[in-house]
Amino acid sequence: MNIMQFFKKFPDEDSCREHFKKYRDRVGVVCKKCGCNEHYWLSTINYYKCKECGFRTSLKSGTVMENSKLPYQYWYMAFMFSTSTKKSFSALEIQRQLNHPFYEPIWAMMHKIRRIMTKADEEFQLTDSIEMDEGFFVTNPPKDEDGKVIKEDMKRGMGSPRNAKVLVMVESKLNPDQDNIHKPNRSVKRLKMVHIEDYKNDTLEKELKKAVEIEKTFVLTDNGRHYSKLKSLLTKGHHAINTRHIPNSDKVLPWVHKTISNAKRLFLGVHHSFGREYTQNYLSEFCYKFNRRNYVDIFESLVSSSVKYAWY
């Protein structure tokens, strides 16, 4: 959906609210007091009223917009900007486009949207054959209570406090019919990126069980020591490749390397920098749009997720 299509479909606040209500009615409303799922709609005050106990539930309650005072049209424009291009928009740019006087509520809105993107992608697991590797994303340096950078902890390398460790898993399948030398010999499907604190075996096992169908998946990695125990965990097996002796190692695990480099370039160009504690939110936005790159209307998919999930 481009800007012209958006304003033709959602010209005002009422049109956005009515569209949001249609999705809310489709998902259903559960009373927080008695658990009843049958309600009356009070059109004069835009509330649902429980048929059993009379408890009232607002249209935004239980959705990504809960406790938000921003207009529906602000949210819908944020949905549009989040899905209209392959790239992203910074909260500062969204603030400019909305002509809102304050940065903080727009920043919070964008992160709430990214959190429901995380929850939407948690509904499925990767399967069949996947490439897996680790990535290191540079974040803002740690600061003390006075807002000053803690220089004593600013060491370099893998253990740097500025490096956020990310486990990257990509569904890819060998494509023997691919004869174009400029394209990978593997076709890509879906992607997951998970921010983790370390690469210990327990951490990898925990994240794999959440993100991958263990019984149905074959995993391809490099020969890092932290992958040594994957073979005993995976039913279909694990193949570790020694990439040090391969000239074009990026062709062995093409899509996992490509997605890491694309994500790094995107974050650097759009956001410039971000806090370590928000790394997963930005990764989730990248994965959400990648996994739905072939959707006819990703905008409607995001609206549906915003009704289905709460941000907290």
Protein backbone atom coordinates (compact mmCIF):
# COMPACT_ATOMS: atom_id res chain seq x y z
CA MET A 1 0.00 0.00 0.00
CA ASN A 2 1.42 3.34 -1.06
CA ILE A 3 0.53 6.75 0.37
CA MET A 4 -2.11 7.52 -2.26
CA GLN A 5 -3.89 4.21 -1.68
CA PHE A 6 -3.69 4.69 2.08
CA PHE A 7 -5.40 8.08 2.17
CA LYS A 8 -8.01 6.91 -0.31
CA LYS A 9 -8.93 4.01 1.98
CA PHE A 10 -8.35 5.75 5.34
CA PRO A 11 -9.09 9.46 4.88
CA ASP A 12 -9.92 10.19 8.52
CA GLU A 13 -9.95 8.91 12.10
CA ASP A 14 -13.40 7.29 11.81
CA SER A 15 -12.44 5.14 8.82
CA CYS A 16 -9.38 3.82 10.69
CA ARG A 17 -11.43 3.06 13.81
CA GLU A 18 -14.13 1.24 11.83
CA HIS A 19 -11.55 -0.86 10.01
CA PHE A 20 -9.86 -1.73 13.31
CA LYS A 21 -13.25 -2.69 14.83
CA LYS A 22 -13.94 -5.13 11.97
CA TYR A 23 -10.76 -7.04 12.82
CA ARG A 24 -11.53 -6.83 16.55
CA ASP A 25 -15.00 -8.32 15.97
CA ARG A 26 -13.44 -11.08 13.88
CA VAL A 27 -10.91 -11.99 16.58
CA GLY A 28 -13.45 -11.65 19.39
CA VAL A 29 -13.49 -9.97 22.78
CA VAL A 30 -13.04 -11.81 26.09
CA CYS A 31 -14.30 -10.14 29.25
CA LYS A 32 -11.43 -9.56 31.70
CA LYS A 33 -13.81 -9.87 34.65
CA CYS A 34 -15.85 -13.02 33.98
CA GLY A 35 -14.28 -14.54 30.84
CA CYS A 36 -17.45 -14.27 28.75
CA ASN A 37 -16.93 -13.82 24.99
CA GLU A 38 -20.33 -12.32 24.13
CA HIS A 39 -20.65 -8.53 24.12
CA TYR A 40 -22.83 -5.65 23.06
CA TRP A 41 -21.27 -2.77 21.12
CA LEU A 42 -21.92 0.67 22.63
CA SER A 43 -21.45 2.89 19.59
CA THR A 44 -21.86 6.17 21.48
CA ILE A 45 -18.75 5.61 23.62
CA ASN A 46 -16.89 2.99 21.47
CA TYR A 47 -16.91 0.28 24.17
CA TYR A 48 -17.87 -3.38 24.34
CA LYS A 49 -20.28 -4.35 27.14
CA CYS A 50 -20.25 -7.90 28.49
CA LYS A 51 -23.62 -9.67 28.24
CA GLU A 52 -23.00 -11.55 31.51
CA CYS A 53 -21.58 -9.05 34.01
CA GLY A 54 -21.85 -5.72 32.18
CA PHE A 55 -18.08 -5.05 32.34
CA ARG A 56 -16.97 -2.62 29.65
CA THR A 57 -13.95 -3.18 27.42
CA SER A 58 -12.52 -0.48 25.20
CA LEU A 59 -11.81 -1.07 21.52
CA LYS A 60 -8.07 -0.75 22.13
CA SER A 61 -7.94 -3.02 25.20
CA GLY A 62 -6.00 -6.25 24.67
CA THR A 63 -4.45 -5.02 21.42
CA VAL A 64 -1.22 -3.27 20.48
CA MET A 65 -2.98 0.07 21.07
CA GLU A 66 -3.89 -0.62 24.70
CA ASN A 67 -3.32 2.41 26.98
CA SER A 68 -2.33 4.52 23.99
CA LYS A 69 -3.72 8.03 23.61
CA LEU A 70 -2.48 8.38 20.03
CA PRO A 71 -5.18 8.55 17.32
CA TYR A 72 -6.05 5.47 15.28
CA GLN A 73 -4.85 7.24 12.15
CA TYR A 74 -1.38 7.64 13.69
CA TRP A 75 -1.23 3.90 14.27
CA TYR A 76 -2.50 3.12 10.79
CA MET A 77 0.07 5.41 9.21
CA ALA A 78 2.75 3.67 11.26
CA PHE A 79 1.44 0.31 9.96
CA MET A 80 1.65 1.66 6.43
CA PHE A 81 5.20 3.01 6.82
CA SER A 82 6.29 -0.28 8.45
CA THR A 83 5.05 -2.39 5.52
CA SER A 84 5.15 -0.18 2.42
CA THR A 85 8.84 -0.75 1.60
CA LYS A 86 11.55 -3.32 2.13
CA LYS A 87 13.46 -0.71 4.10
CA SER A 88 12.51 0.68 7.50
CA PHE A 89 11.66 4.09 8.92
CA SER A 90 13.18 5.54 12.05
CA ALA A 91 10.90 6.83 14.80
CA LEU A 92 12.24 10.33 14.14
CA GLU A 93 11.16 10.14 10.51
CA ILE A 94 7.71 8.83 11.50
CA GLN A 95 7.43 11.75 13.92
CA ARG A 96 8.18 14.18 11.06
CA GLN A 97 5.64 12.56 8.77
CA LEU A 98 2.94 12.62 11.46
CA ASN A 99 3.88 16.17 12.48
CA HIS A 100 3.70 15.13 16.13
CA PRO A 101 5.36 17.52 18.63
CA PHE A 102 6.95 14.81 20.81
CA TYR A 103 9.39 12.04 19.91
CA GLU A 104 8.86 9.66 22.86
CA PRO A 105 5.26 8.49 22.15
CA ILE A 106 6.12 7.83 18.49
CA TRP A 107 9.24 5.90 19.50
CA ALA A 108 7.15 3.81 21.95
CA MET A 109 4.49 3.17 19.29
CA MET A 110 7.06 1.85 16.82
CA HIS A 111 8.57 -0.49 19.40
CA LYS A 112 5.13 -1.81 20.35
CA ILE A 113 4.53 -2.62 16.67
CA ARG A 114 7.87 -4.41 16.49
CA ARG A 115 6.96 -6.48 19.56
CA ILE A 116 3.79 -7.79 17.94
CA MET A 117 5.90 -8.65 14.89
CA THR A 118 7.96 -10.81 17.25
CA LYS A 119 4.83 -12.56 18.54
CA ALA A 120 3.50 -13.12 15.03
CA ASP A 121 6.69 -14.88 13.92
CA GLU A 122 6.70 -17.03 17.06
CA GLU A 123 3.61 -18.81 15.69
CA PHE A 124 5.65 -20.87 13.22
CA GLN A 125 8.81 -22.97 13.42
CA LEU A 126 11.46 -23.49 10.78
CA THR A 127 11.72 -26.96 9.29
CA ASP A 128 13.27 -29.13 6.56
CA SER A 129 16.79 -27.76 5.90
CA ILE A 130 18.20 -24.63 7.54
CA GLU A 131 21.44 -22.66 7.53
CA MET A 132 22.56 -21.38 10.91
CA ASP A 133 25.28 -18.97 11.93
CA GLU A 134 25.99 -16.24 14.43
CA GLY A 135 26.08 -12.51 13.79
CA PHE A 136 27.43 -9.60 15.80
CA PHE A 137 25.51 -6.32 15.65
CA VAL A 138 27.09 -3.15 17.01
CA THR A 139 24.90 -1.32 19.54
CA ASN A 140 25.25 1.80 21.65
CA PRO A 141 28.06 1.63 24.26
CA PRO A 142 27.00 0.98 27.86
CA LYS A 143 26.53 4.04 30.07
CA ASP A 144 26.51 4.72 33.79
CA GLU A 145 23.76 6.39 35.83
CA ASP A 146 24.96 9.84 34.74
CA GLY A 147 24.73 8.93 31.05
CA LYS A 148 28.50 8.72 30.52
CA VAL A 149 30.08 5.92 28.50
CA ILE A 150 31.79 3.26 30.67
CA LYS A 151 35.21 3.25 29.00
CA GLU A 152 36.63 0.51 31.24
CA ASP A 153 34.33 -2.06 29.60
CA MET A 154 35.00 -0.96 26.04
CA LYS A 155 37.12 -3.94 24.99
CA ARG A 156 37.19 -5.10 21.38
CA GLY A 157 36.26 -8.34 19.68
CA MET A 158 33.56 -10.91 20.34
CA GLY A 159 33.28 -10.09 24.03
CA SER A 160 32.76 -6.37 23.52
CA PRO A 161 29.72 -4.98 25.39
CA ARG A 162 28.82 -3.12 22.19
CA ASN A 163 28.39 -6.38 20.24
CA ALA A 164 24.94 -7.96 20.44
CA LYS A 165 25.15 -11.69 19.76
CA VAL A 166 22.48 -12.89 17.33
CA LEU A 167 21.60 -16.44 16.32
CA VAL A 168 20.48 -16.48 12.67
CA MET A 169 18.49 -19.38 11.17
CA VAL A 170 17.34 -19.46 7.55
CA GLU A 171 15.25 -22.09 5.80
CA SER A 172 17.02 -22.86 2.53
CA LYS A 173 16.82 -25.73 0.09
CA LEU A 174 19.41 -26.89 -2.42
CA ASN A 175 18.37 -25.90 -5.93
CA PRO A 176 20.28 -28.07 -8.45
CA ASP A 177 18.57 -26.38 -11.42
CA GLN A 178 20.16 -23.03 -10.60
CA ASP A 179 22.69 -22.36 -13.37
CA ASN A 180 23.18 -18.61 -12.83
CA ILE A 181 26.65 -18.07 -11.37
CA HIS A 182 25.55 -14.78 -9.83
CA LYS A 183 22.81 -16.38 -7.72
CA PRO A 184 23.07 -18.82 -4.77
CA ASN A 185 22.48 -22.50 -5.47
CA ARG A 186 20.01 -22.59 -2.58
CA SER A 187 16.48 -21.16 -2.55
CA VAL A 188 15.36 -19.30 0.58
CA LYS A 189 12.07 -19.49 2.49
CA ARG A 190 11.79 -18.10 6.03
CA LEU A 191 14.12 -16.47 8.52
CA LYS A 192 14.52 -16.13 12.28
CA MET A 193 16.96 -13.94 14.17
CA VAL A 194 17.26 -14.24 17.96
CA HIS A 195 19.26 -11.98 20.26
CA ILE A 196 21.07 -14.15 22.80
CA GLU A 197 23.53 -13.44 25.61
CA ASP A 198 25.99 -16.28 24.88
CA TYR A 199 26.64 -19.29 22.65
CA LYS A 200 26.62 -21.94 25.35
CA ASN A 201 25.09 -25.33 24.51
CA ASP A 202 22.13 -24.80 26.85
CA THR A 203 21.32 -21.47 25.22
CA LEU A 204 21.51 -22.86 21.69
CA GLU A 205 19.39 -25.88 22.61
CA LYS A 206 16.73 -23.69 24.23
CA GLU A 207 16.47 -21.33 21.23
CA LEU A 208 16.53 -24.16 18.69
CA LYS A 209 13.64 -25.93 20.38
CA LYS A 210 11.58 -22.74 20.20
CA ALA A 211 12.47 -21.80 16.62
CA VAL A 212 12.95 -25.14 14.84
CA GLU A 213 11.05 -28.41 14.47
CA ILE A 214 13.79 -30.59 15.95
CA GLU A 215 12.47 -33.91 14.60
CA LYS A 216 12.08 -32.69 11.01
CA THR A 217 15.08 -30.44 10.48
CA PHE A 218 18.59 -30.83 9.07
CA VAL A 219 20.98 -28.05 10.13
CA LEU A 220 23.97 -26.76 8.20
CA THR A 221 26.58 -24.65 10.08
CA ASP A 222 30.27 -23.83 10.15
CA ASN A 223 32.54 -25.83 12.46
CA GLY A 224 32.31 -23.55 15.48
CA ARG A 225 32.85 -25.30 18.81
CA HIS A 226 29.50 -24.09 20.15
CA TYR A 227 27.75 -26.24 17.49
CA SER A 228 29.48 -29.47 18.51
CA LYS A 229 26.50 -30.96 20.41
CA LEU A 230 23.82 -30.21 17.83
CA LYS A 231 24.11 -33.64 16.22
CA SER A 232 22.78 -35.36 19.34
CA LEU A 233 19.85 -32.92 19.49
CA LEU A 234 18.70 -33.02 15.86
CA THR A 235 16.98 -36.16 14.56
CA LYS A 236 17.74 -35.59 10.86
CA GLY A 237 21.31 -34.57 11.58
CA HIS A 238 23.77 -31.70 11.63
CA HIS A 239 26.54 -31.03 9.15
CA ALA A 240 29.43 -28.75 10.18
CA ILE A 241 31.60 -27.31 7.39
CA ASN A 242 35.14 -26.11 7.90
CA THR A 243 34.90 -22.79 6.07
CA ARG A 244 38.54 -21.80 6.74
CA HIS A 245 39.78 -23.92 3.84
CA ILE A 246 37.05 -22.88 1.41
CA PRO A 247 37.85 -19.82 -0.78
CA ASN A 248 34.22 -18.78 -1.28
CA SER A 249 32.76 -19.66 2.10
CA ASP A 250 29.84 -17.29 1.54
CA LYS A 251 28.52 -19.71 -1.10
CA VAL A 252 28.40 -22.60 1.37
CA LEU A 253 26.01 -20.78 3.68
CA PRO A 254 24.75 -18.15 1.22
CA TRP A 255 21.49 -16.98 2.72
CA VAL A 256 22.48 -16.74 6.35
CA HIS A 257 25.44 -14.53 5.41
CA LYS A 258 23.34 -12.48 3.00
CA THR A 259 20.61 -11.78 5.57
CA ILE A 260 23.14 -10.80 8.25
CA SER A 261 24.90 -8.33 5.94
CA ASN A 262 21.59 -6.91 4.66
CA ALA A 263 20.30 -6.41 8.21
CA LYS A 264 23.51 -4.69 9.31
CA ARG A 265 23.44 -2.34 6.33
CA LEU A 266 19.76 -1.55 6.91
CA PHE A 267 20.21 -0.77 10.60
CA LEU A 268 23.26 1.38 9.92
CA GLY A 269 21.59 3.35 7.14
CA VAL A 270 18.20 3.91 8.79
CA HIS A 271 18.69 3.84 12.55
CA HIS A 272 22.46 4.56 12.69
CA SER A 273 22.58 3.05 16.19
CA PHE A 274 20.29 1.53 18.80
CA GLY A 275 20.38 0.27 22.37
CA ARG A 276 21.40 -3.29 23.10
CA GLU A 277 18.14 -3.96 24.98
CA TYR A 278 16.10 -3.16 21.84
CA THR A 279 18.10 -5.34 19.45
CA GLN A 280 15.41 -8.03 19.24
CA ASN A 281 12.74 -5.49 18.27
CA TYR A 282 14.71 -4.31 15.24
CA LEU A 283 15.61 -7.87 14.27
CA SER A 284 11.94 -8.87 14.47
CA GLU A 285 10.89 -6.09 12.11
CA PHE A 286 13.50 -7.19 9.57
CA CYS A 287 12.40 -10.86 9.83
CA TYR A 288 8.68 -10.03 9.73
CA LYS A 289 8.98 -8.23 6.41
CA PHE A 290 11.39 -10.81 4.98
CA ASN A 291 9.06 -13.70 5.82
CA ARG A 292 6.11 -11.89 4.22
CA ARG A 293 7.91 -10.54 1.16
CA ASN A 294 5.50 -12.40 -1.14
CA TYR A 295 2.30 -11.44 0.67
CA VAL A 296 -0.31 -9.69 -1.46
CA ASP A 297 -1.22 -7.32 1.37
CA ILE A 298 1.24 -7.27 4.26
CA PHE A 299 -0.51 -4.18 5.64
CA GLU A 300 -3.68 -6.16 6.42
CA SER A 301 -1.55 -8.91 7.96
CA LEU A 302 0.02 -6.40 10.35
CA VAL A 303 -3.37 -4.93 11.29
CA SER A 304 -4.62 -8.45 12.05
CA SER A 305 -1.58 -9.12 14.26
CA SER A 306 -2.05 -5.78 16.05
CA VAL A 307 -5.57 -6.85 17.04
CA LYS A 308 -4.60 -10.41 17.92
CA TYR A 309 -1.62 -9.59 20.15
CA ALA A 310 -0.96 -7.10 22.92
CA TRP A 311 2.44 -5.40 22.99
CA TYR A 312 3.26 -6.41 26.58
